[in-house]
Amino acid sequence: MSLITKQDRISVRQFAAVPALVGLPEITRSARFLSTSIELEEGCMVTKLVKYTHRVVYFVNNARKGDPSDVEDIIKDLAIVPFTNFTLDKPCNLAFLESYIHTSLDVYALIAITPSLSTLDSLIQMVKSNNDWRQSQMDKTGHICFRKLDCYVDPEYELVALHPEHFLPNSPLVVYDPVTQGHKLYVVAQDRCLRESTDPNSNPFPPFHHRAKARGRDLHPNVFLVALNAEIKFRRYLKMVRASAPPTPLPDHVLALMHRTIELVDLLYWWPVSTKGSSGSEEQRMDKDEDSPAPSDSWARSRLERHELRPTSIWPEDMDLAARKARGMALMSGHDPVFDSDDAYGMMDEIDTYSNELELTQM
């Protein structure tokens, strides 16, 4: 923003102070440092390069202006972070990316960051097992139990180029190796993957880990939040190519990674419903003696206090899996101009989430 001085000269605001970084001294100015809750020294999550121009990515964000509590409540209700005071600016939701990678990911969806296939396989098995336990408890008691997931240590990630030619139109992706202190270059190969050369048999861009010594275990990027970010991009990409297939499709292993990510997120949004005829079903509970003891007072306590049972949820009781996902996607990333059952339905009570002119049909 331009400013006018007393001498009628055009000027600008004070430039930011430059912090010390990788052995470089700070540049002191009257303006403050640009501060974040994560350290710039950890570098880009993808390229490992350290630059002053990096930008912070929020894996889960609030698409609408104003209070982000709706989005934060969804994350808390999914119980995928190991603490109850989650907010969007917690370090587990943040990472640094090079500015062009940030724009490619966050603005244009040319790329996505998702757990690697081996990590996805482990996460899917973990969540499936927990969902089975929650279903069994629902059938026994009629109560929805709090999700319990083990902390997944040091997950592996992959960079998925959804539109590789647009991501790297005429320049390579430069990656720094902190061990060898050397650099590798990656380009778009003939098979549309990122590789060390255009030869489809050359080495691909490898899976990677997030490295940040200064962060505690629970403060690294949460692998489930990363997956939520990627799933939105994958679902929209697949819908787009179904409507208009590209001349050369992405390789099968890339599509498989996308579908496994979607499978994981479906499991996260899954909600137990008592099986008809089970002891926890509504009809069985209604048949019980009206004089039977009332539920424990823990039924009304906070998540942290009761830890085991959760009586209420932000989800309406009749909201199915697709509708829960649609609500989450709309709050986290906005919505597409045209809706179908993949992106939005069952949302008629959501004010300002969708245009009132749209007619949504619940399937």
Protein backbone atom coordinates (compact mmCIF):
# COMPACT_ATOMS: atom_id res chain seq x y z
CA MET A 1 0.00 0.00 0.00
CA SER A 2 1.40 3.37 -0.99
CA LEU A 3 1.71 6.22 1.47
CA ILE A 4 2.14 9.96 0.92
CA THR A 5 4.85 11.70 2.96
CA LYS A 6 4.73 15.27 4.25
CA GLN A 7 6.89 16.21 1.26
CA ASP A 8 4.23 14.73 -1.08
CA ARG A 9 6.47 11.80 -2.01
CA ILE A 10 5.11 8.31 -2.52
CA SER A 11 6.37 5.85 0.06
CA VAL A 12 5.38 2.51 1.61
CA ARG A 13 5.09 1.04 5.10
CA GLN A 14 8.19 0.01 7.02
CA PHE A 15 9.76 -3.20 5.75
CA ALA A 16 9.70 -6.17 8.11
CA ALA A 17 12.71 -7.04 10.22
CA VAL A 18 14.62 -10.05 8.93
CA PRO A 19 15.26 -12.78 11.53
CA ALA A 20 18.52 -14.72 11.86
CA LEU A 21 18.33 -17.90 9.80
CA VAL A 22 20.74 -20.76 8.93
CA GLY A 23 23.73 -18.82 10.23
CA LEU A 24 22.75 -15.50 8.67
CA PRO A 25 22.53 -12.46 10.99
CA GLU A 26 19.25 -10.65 11.50
CA ILE A 27 18.52 -7.38 9.76
CA THR A 28 17.12 -5.01 12.36
CA ARG A 29 14.36 -2.59 11.41
CA SER A 30 11.73 -0.67 13.30
CA ALA A 31 9.00 -3.01 12.09
CA ARG A 32 8.55 -6.34 13.86
CA PHE A 33 9.46 -9.79 12.63
CA LEU A 34 6.71 -11.64 10.81
CA SER A 35 5.95 -14.24 13.47
CA THR A 36 4.20 -17.62 13.29
CA SER A 37 3.77 -20.49 15.72
CA ILE A 38 6.24 -22.60 13.71
CA GLU A 39 9.89 -21.92 12.98
CA LEU A 40 10.95 -20.74 9.52
CA GLU A 41 14.17 -22.68 9.97
CA GLU A 42 12.35 -25.98 9.46
CA GLY A 43 12.08 -25.12 5.77
CA CYS A 44 9.62 -26.18 3.09
CA MET A 45 7.83 -29.43 3.94
CA VAL A 46 8.32 -30.67 0.36
CA THR A 47 11.66 -29.31 -0.89
CA LYS A 48 13.46 -28.92 2.49
CA LEU A 49 14.80 -25.57 1.26
CA VAL A 50 14.95 -22.71 3.76
CA LYS A 51 13.87 -19.32 2.41
CA TYR A 52 12.51 -16.10 3.84
CA THR A 53 9.78 -16.13 1.20
CA HIS A 54 8.10 -19.34 2.42
CA ARG A 55 4.41 -19.20 3.21
CA VAL A 56 2.44 -21.01 5.89
CA VAL A 57 -0.14 -23.51 4.68
CA TYR A 58 -3.21 -24.34 6.77
CA PHE A 59 -4.15 -27.91 5.95
CA VAL A 60 -7.65 -27.29 7.29
CA ASN A 61 -8.95 -23.77 6.95
CA ASN A 62 -12.13 -21.77 7.19
CA ALA A 63 -13.47 -21.04 3.70
CA ARG A 64 -15.89 -18.43 4.98
CA LYS A 65 -14.87 -15.17 6.63
CA GLY A 66 -15.49 -14.78 10.32
CA ASP A 67 -15.65 -17.24 13.18
CA PRO A 68 -13.76 -20.49 12.36
CA SER A 69 -15.40 -22.40 15.23
CA ASP A 70 -17.63 -24.45 12.89
CA VAL A 71 -14.58 -25.93 11.19
CA GLU A 72 -12.76 -26.40 14.49
CA ASP A 73 -15.78 -28.17 15.96
CA ILE A 74 -15.82 -30.62 13.06
CA ILE A 75 -12.17 -31.51 13.68
CA LYS A 76 -12.82 -31.92 17.40
CA ASP A 77 -15.86 -34.08 16.70
CA LEU A 78 -13.90 -36.31 14.33
CA ALA A 79 -11.45 -36.81 17.23
CA ILE A 80 -8.38 -36.93 14.99
CA VAL A 81 -6.16 -34.57 17.00
CA PRO A 82 -4.77 -35.71 20.38
CA PHE A 83 -6.03 -32.70 22.36
CA THR A 84 -9.38 -31.03 22.91
CA ASN A 85 -8.41 -27.36 22.47
CA PHE A 86 -7.75 -27.57 18.72
CA THR A 87 -7.76 -24.32 16.75
CA LEU A 88 -6.81 -23.71 13.14
CA ASP A 89 -3.59 -21.94 14.10
CA LYS A 90 -2.22 -24.87 16.12
CA PRO A 91 1.17 -26.07 14.78
CA CYS A 92 -0.31 -29.49 13.94
CA ASN A 93 -2.33 -27.76 11.20
CA LEU A 94 0.56 -25.73 9.79
CA ALA A 95 3.65 -26.17 7.64
CA PHE A 96 5.92 -23.98 5.56
CA LEU A 97 5.89 -24.30 1.79
CA GLU A 98 7.78 -22.44 -0.89
CA SER A 99 5.56 -19.66 -2.17
CA TYR A 100 4.97 -21.21 -5.62
CA ILE A 101 4.23 -24.60 -4.05
CA HIS A 102 1.82 -22.94 -1.61
CA THR A 103 -0.02 -21.23 -4.45
CA SER A 104 -0.07 -24.43 -6.51
CA LEU A 105 -1.56 -26.32 -3.56
CA ASP A 106 -3.84 -23.79 -1.93
CA VAL A 107 -5.07 -21.62 -4.80
CA TYR A 108 -4.95 -23.66 -8.01
CA ALA A 109 -5.02 -27.26 -6.66
CA LEU A 110 -2.35 -28.23 -9.18
CA ILE A 111 -0.83 -30.51 -6.54
CA ALA A 112 -1.76 -32.25 -3.31
CA ILE A 113 0.18 -33.60 -0.35
CA THR A 114 -1.16 -36.89 0.96
CA PRO A 115 0.06 -39.79 3.11
CA SER A 116 2.07 -42.37 1.16
CA LEU A 117 0.41 -45.65 0.20
CA SER A 118 2.10 -47.58 3.01
CA THR A 119 1.07 -44.94 5.55
CA LEU A 120 -2.48 -44.92 4.18
CA ASP A 121 -2.71 -48.69 4.49
CA SER A 122 -1.71 -48.48 8.17
CA LEU A 123 -4.07 -45.58 8.88
CA ILE A 124 -7.02 -47.27 7.15
CA GLN A 125 -6.49 -50.43 9.18
CA MET A 126 -6.24 -48.38 12.40
CA VAL A 127 -9.42 -46.41 11.72
CA LYS A 128 -11.36 -49.47 10.52
CA SER A 129 -10.49 -51.33 13.70
CA ASN A 130 -11.59 -48.39 15.84
CA ASN A 131 -14.81 -47.97 13.86
CA ASP A 132 -15.61 -51.67 14.39
CA TRP A 133 -15.13 -51.21 18.14
CA ARG A 134 -17.35 -48.12 18.16
CA GLN A 135 -20.04 -50.00 16.24
CA SER A 136 -19.95 -52.88 18.73
CA GLN A 137 -20.31 -50.44 21.62
CA MET A 138 -23.21 -48.74 19.88
CA ASP A 139 -24.98 -52.08 19.44
CA LYS A 140 -24.40 -52.97 23.10
CA THR A 141 -25.25 -49.70 24.79
CA GLY A 142 -26.85 -47.40 22.25
CA HIS A 143 -24.21 -44.82 23.14
CA ILE A 144 -21.75 -43.26 20.71
CA CYS A 145 -18.22 -43.79 22.02
CA PHE A 146 -15.36 -41.40 21.65
CA ARG A 147 -12.94 -42.27 18.86
CA LYS A 148 -9.59 -43.58 20.10
CA LEU A 149 -6.72 -43.53 17.61
CA ASP A 150 -3.11 -44.25 18.39
CA CYS A 151 -0.66 -41.46 17.64
CA TYR A 152 0.91 -42.19 14.26
CA VAL A 153 4.60 -41.36 14.56
CA ASP A 154 6.58 -39.92 11.63
CA PRO A 155 4.11 -40.51 8.77
CA GLU A 156 5.38 -40.62 5.21
CA TYR A 157 3.95 -38.27 2.56
CA GLU A 158 3.80 -38.06 -1.21
CA LEU A 159 3.52 -35.10 -3.53
CA VAL A 160 0.79 -35.75 -6.10
CA ALA A 161 0.85 -33.58 -9.22
CA LEU A 162 -2.75 -33.41 -10.43
CA HIS A 163 -1.84 -31.03 -13.25
CA PRO A 164 1.92 -31.63 -13.57
CA GLU A 165 2.47 -29.59 -16.73
CA HIS A 166 0.81 -26.56 -15.14
CA PHE A 167 2.73 -27.06 -11.91
CA LEU A 168 6.13 -27.04 -13.66
CA PRO A 169 5.60 -25.37 -17.06
CA ASN A 170 9.25 -24.55 -17.79
CA SER A 171 11.30 -25.07 -14.65
CA PRO A 172 12.30 -28.01 -12.46
CA LEU A 173 11.34 -28.72 -8.87
CA VAL A 174 14.49 -28.23 -6.78
CA VAL A 175 14.79 -30.39 -3.66
CA TYR A 176 17.47 -30.05 -1.00
CA ASP A 177 19.01 -33.06 0.76
CA PRO A 178 20.10 -31.99 4.28
CA VAL A 179 22.26 -35.11 4.61
CA THR A 180 24.38 -34.66 1.48
CA GLN A 181 23.74 -30.90 1.36
CA GLY A 182 23.14 -31.32 -2.34
CA HIS A 183 20.20 -30.64 -4.64
CA LYS A 184 18.14 -32.79 -6.97
CA LEU A 185 15.98 -31.60 -9.83
CA TYR A 186 12.65 -33.10 -10.83
CA VAL A 187 10.72 -32.51 -14.05
CA VAL A 188 7.50 -33.75 -15.62
CA ALA A 189 8.22 -37.11 -17.27
CA GLN A 190 6.47 -38.59 -20.27
CA ASP A 191 4.17 -40.58 -17.96
CA ARG A 192 3.11 -37.29 -16.28
CA CYS A 193 4.91 -38.12 -13.02
CA LEU A 194 7.61 -36.00 -11.42
CA ARG A 195 10.95 -37.71 -12.09
CA GLU A 196 14.65 -36.94 -12.34
CA SER A 197 14.31 -36.82 -16.14
CA THR A 198 11.58 -37.03 -18.76
CA ASP A 199 12.33 -40.76 -19.10
CA PRO A 200 9.38 -42.66 -17.52
CA ASN A 201 11.87 -45.16 -16.12
CA SER A 202 13.94 -42.58 -14.25
CA ASN A 203 13.74 -42.18 -10.49
CA PRO A 204 10.44 -40.68 -9.32
CA PHE A 205 9.98 -37.95 -6.75
CA PRO A 206 10.27 -40.02 -3.55
CA PRO A 207 8.01 -40.11 -0.50
CA PHE A 208 9.17 -37.74 2.22
CA HIS A 209 8.79 -36.95 5.92
CA HIS A 210 8.18 -33.68 7.71
CA ARG A 211 11.34 -32.70 9.57
CA ALA A 212 11.28 -30.18 12.40
CA LYS A 213 13.43 -30.77 15.46
CA ALA A 214 11.87 -27.87 17.35
CA ARG A 215 8.37 -29.38 17.31
CA GLY A 216 7.01 -31.81 19.88
CA ARG A 217 5.50 -35.09 18.72
CA ASP A 218 1.89 -33.85 18.72
CA LEU A 219 2.86 -30.55 17.06
CA HIS A 220 4.04 -31.99 13.75
CA PRO A 221 1.53 -31.75 10.90
CA ASN A 222 -1.35 -34.05 11.80
CA VAL A 223 -1.51 -36.78 9.17
CA PHE A 224 -5.33 -36.84 9.23
CA LEU A 225 -5.56 -33.09 8.64
CA VAL A 226 -3.18 -33.48 5.69
CA ALA A 227 -5.41 -36.25 4.33
CA LEU A 228 -8.54 -34.10 4.69
CA ASN A 229 -6.86 -31.39 2.61
CA ALA A 230 -5.82 -33.86 -0.10
CA GLU A 231 -9.17 -35.66 -0.24
CA ILE A 232 -11.05 -32.50 -1.20
CA LYS A 233 -8.66 -31.93 -4.10
CA PHE A 234 -8.79 -35.58 -5.22
CA ARG A 235 -12.58 -35.80 -5.14
CA ARG A 236 -12.95 -32.64 -7.19
CA TYR A 237 -10.24 -33.72 -9.62
CA LEU A 238 -11.90 -37.10 -10.21
CA LYS A 239 -15.24 -35.43 -10.78
CA MET A 240 -13.62 -33.08 -13.28
CA VAL A 241 -11.93 -35.84 -15.31
CA ARG A 242 -15.14 -37.89 -15.35
CA ALA A 243 -16.78 -34.95 -17.09
CA SER A 244 -13.81 -34.21 -19.38
CA ALA A 245 -11.04 -36.79 -19.52
CA PRO A 246 -7.49 -35.50 -20.19
CA PRO A 247 -5.71 -36.76 -23.36
CA THR A 248 -3.22 -38.63 -21.17
CA PRO A 249 -4.58 -39.79 -17.82
CA LEU A 250 -2.51 -39.89 -14.67
CA PRO A 251 -0.83 -43.27 -14.01
CA ASP A 252 -2.80 -46.00 -12.24
CA HIS A 253 -0.64 -45.88 -9.11
CA VAL A 254 -1.41 -42.16 -8.71
CA LEU A 255 -5.14 -42.78 -9.08
CA ALA A 256 -4.88 -45.64 -6.56
CA LEU A 257 -3.27 -43.28 -4.06
CA MET A 258 -6.10 -40.81 -4.58
CA HIS A 259 -8.78 -43.46 -4.01
CA ARG A 260 -7.06 -44.76 -0.86
CA THR A 261 -6.99 -41.22 0.53
CA ILE A 262 -10.71 -40.88 -0.16
CA GLU A 263 -11.31 -44.23 1.55
CA LEU A 264 -9.48 -43.04 4.68
CA VAL A 265 -11.47 -39.81 4.87
CA ASP A 266 -14.75 -41.72 4.39
CA LEU A 267 -13.79 -43.81 7.42
CA LEU A 268 -13.06 -40.68 9.44
CA TYR A 269 -16.49 -39.22 8.69
CA TRP A 270 -18.20 -42.56 9.38
CA TRP A 271 -20.65 -42.54 12.27
CA PRO A 272 -22.00 -45.61 14.16
CA VAL A 273 -25.72 -46.38 13.94
CA SER A 274 -27.19 -49.12 16.10
CA THR A 275 -28.04 -52.30 14.23
CA LYS A 276 -31.75 -53.10 14.13
CA GLY A 277 -32.61 -55.64 16.79
CA SER A 278 -29.40 -55.11 18.79
CA SER A 279 -29.59 -54.32 22.49
CA GLY A 280 -28.52 -50.76 21.71
CA SER A 281 -31.16 -50.17 19.04
CA GLU A 282 -33.89 -47.63 19.66
CA GLU A 283 -36.69 -50.18 19.77
CA GLN A 284 -34.86 -52.31 22.33
CA ARG A 285 -34.10 -49.32 24.54
CA MET A 286 -37.73 -48.19 24.43
CA ASP A 287 -38.85 -51.63 25.59
CA LYS A 288 -36.75 -51.44 28.77
CA ASP A 289 -38.37 -50.73 32.11
CA GLU A 290 -39.02 -47.01 32.50
CA ASP A 291 -37.83 -47.27 36.09
CA SER A 292 -34.36 -48.47 35.09
CA PRO A 293 -31.47 -46.29 36.31
CA ALA A 294 -30.74 -43.18 34.30
CA PRO A 295 -27.46 -42.88 32.41
CA SER A 296 -24.44 -41.81 34.40
CA ASP A 297 -23.83 -38.12 35.00
CA SER A 298 -20.74 -38.54 32.82
CA TRP A 299 -23.18 -38.50 29.92
CA ALA A 300 -23.32 -34.71 30.26
CA ARG A 301 -19.66 -34.00 30.96
CA SER A 302 -17.10 -32.51 28.64
CA ARG A 303 -15.18 -34.71 26.19
CA LEU A 304 -12.08 -34.44 28.31
CA GLU A 305 -13.86 -35.44 31.53
CA ARG A 306 -15.88 -38.36 30.23
CA HIS A 307 -13.31 -39.46 27.58
CA GLU A 308 -15.35 -42.58 26.82
CA LEU A 309 -18.91 -41.53 25.98
CA ARG A 310 -20.11 -38.70 23.82
CA PRO A 311 -23.85 -37.97 24.03
CA THR A 312 -24.05 -35.15 21.55
CA SER A 313 -22.48 -34.26 18.25
CA ILE A 314 -22.40 -31.35 15.87
CA TRP A 315 -23.91 -33.72 13.28
CA PRO A 316 -27.72 -33.98 13.16
CA GLU A 317 -28.85 -37.51 13.98
CA ASP A 318 -30.27 -38.11 10.50
CA MET A 319 -27.20 -36.81 8.63
CA ASP A 320 -25.59 -39.59 6.60
CA LEU A 321 -21.94 -40.04 5.59
CA ALA A 322 -22.16 -38.09 2.34
CA ALA A 323 -23.94 -35.17 4.00
CA ARG A 324 -21.38 -35.00 6.81
CA LYS A 325 -18.57 -34.94 4.24
CA ALA A 326 -20.38 -32.27 2.24
CA ARG A 327 -20.70 -30.07 5.30
CA GLY A 328 -17.05 -30.52 6.19
CA MET A 329 -15.87 -29.84 2.65
CA ALA A 330 -18.03 -26.73 2.32
CA LEU A 331 -16.79 -25.23 5.58
CA MET A 332 -13.13 -26.08 4.96
CA SER A 333 -12.76 -25.22 1.29
CA GLY A 334 -15.81 -23.48 -0.06
CA HIS A 335 -17.85 -25.13 -2.79
CA ASP A 336 -18.02 -25.66 -6.51
CA PRO A 337 -20.34 -23.70 -8.85
CA VAL A 338 -22.31 -26.87 -9.61
CA PHE A 339 -23.20 -29.41 -6.96
CA ASP A 340 -24.01 -33.08 -7.07
CA SER A 341 -24.08 -35.91 -4.56
CA ASP A 342 -20.27 -36.00 -4.48
CA ASP A 343 -19.99 -32.53 -3.00
CA ALA A 344 -23.20 -31.36 -1.42
CA TYR A 345 -26.59 -32.55 -0.35
CA GLY A 346 -28.51 -32.74 2.87
CA MET A 347 -27.31 -29.21 3.58
CA MET A 348 -30.52 -27.23 3.47
CA ASP A 349 -30.10 -26.00 7.06
CA GLU A 350 -26.66 -24.50 6.39
CA ILE A 351 -27.10 -20.75 6.08
CA ASP A 352 -24.61 -19.03 3.76
CA THR A 353 -22.89 -22.31 2.88
CA TYR A 354 -24.71 -22.67 -0.41
CA SER A 355 -26.68 -20.25 -2.54
CA ASN A 356 -30.39 -20.19 -1.81
CA GLU A 357 -30.97 -20.31 -5.56
CA LEU A 358 -29.60 -23.83 -5.77
CA GLU A 359 -31.96 -26.74 -5.43
CA LEU A 360 -30.25 -29.57 -3.58
CA THR A 361 -31.69 -33.02 -3.69
CA GLN A 362 -30.93 -35.48 -0.94
CA MET A 363 -30.34 -38.93 -2.37
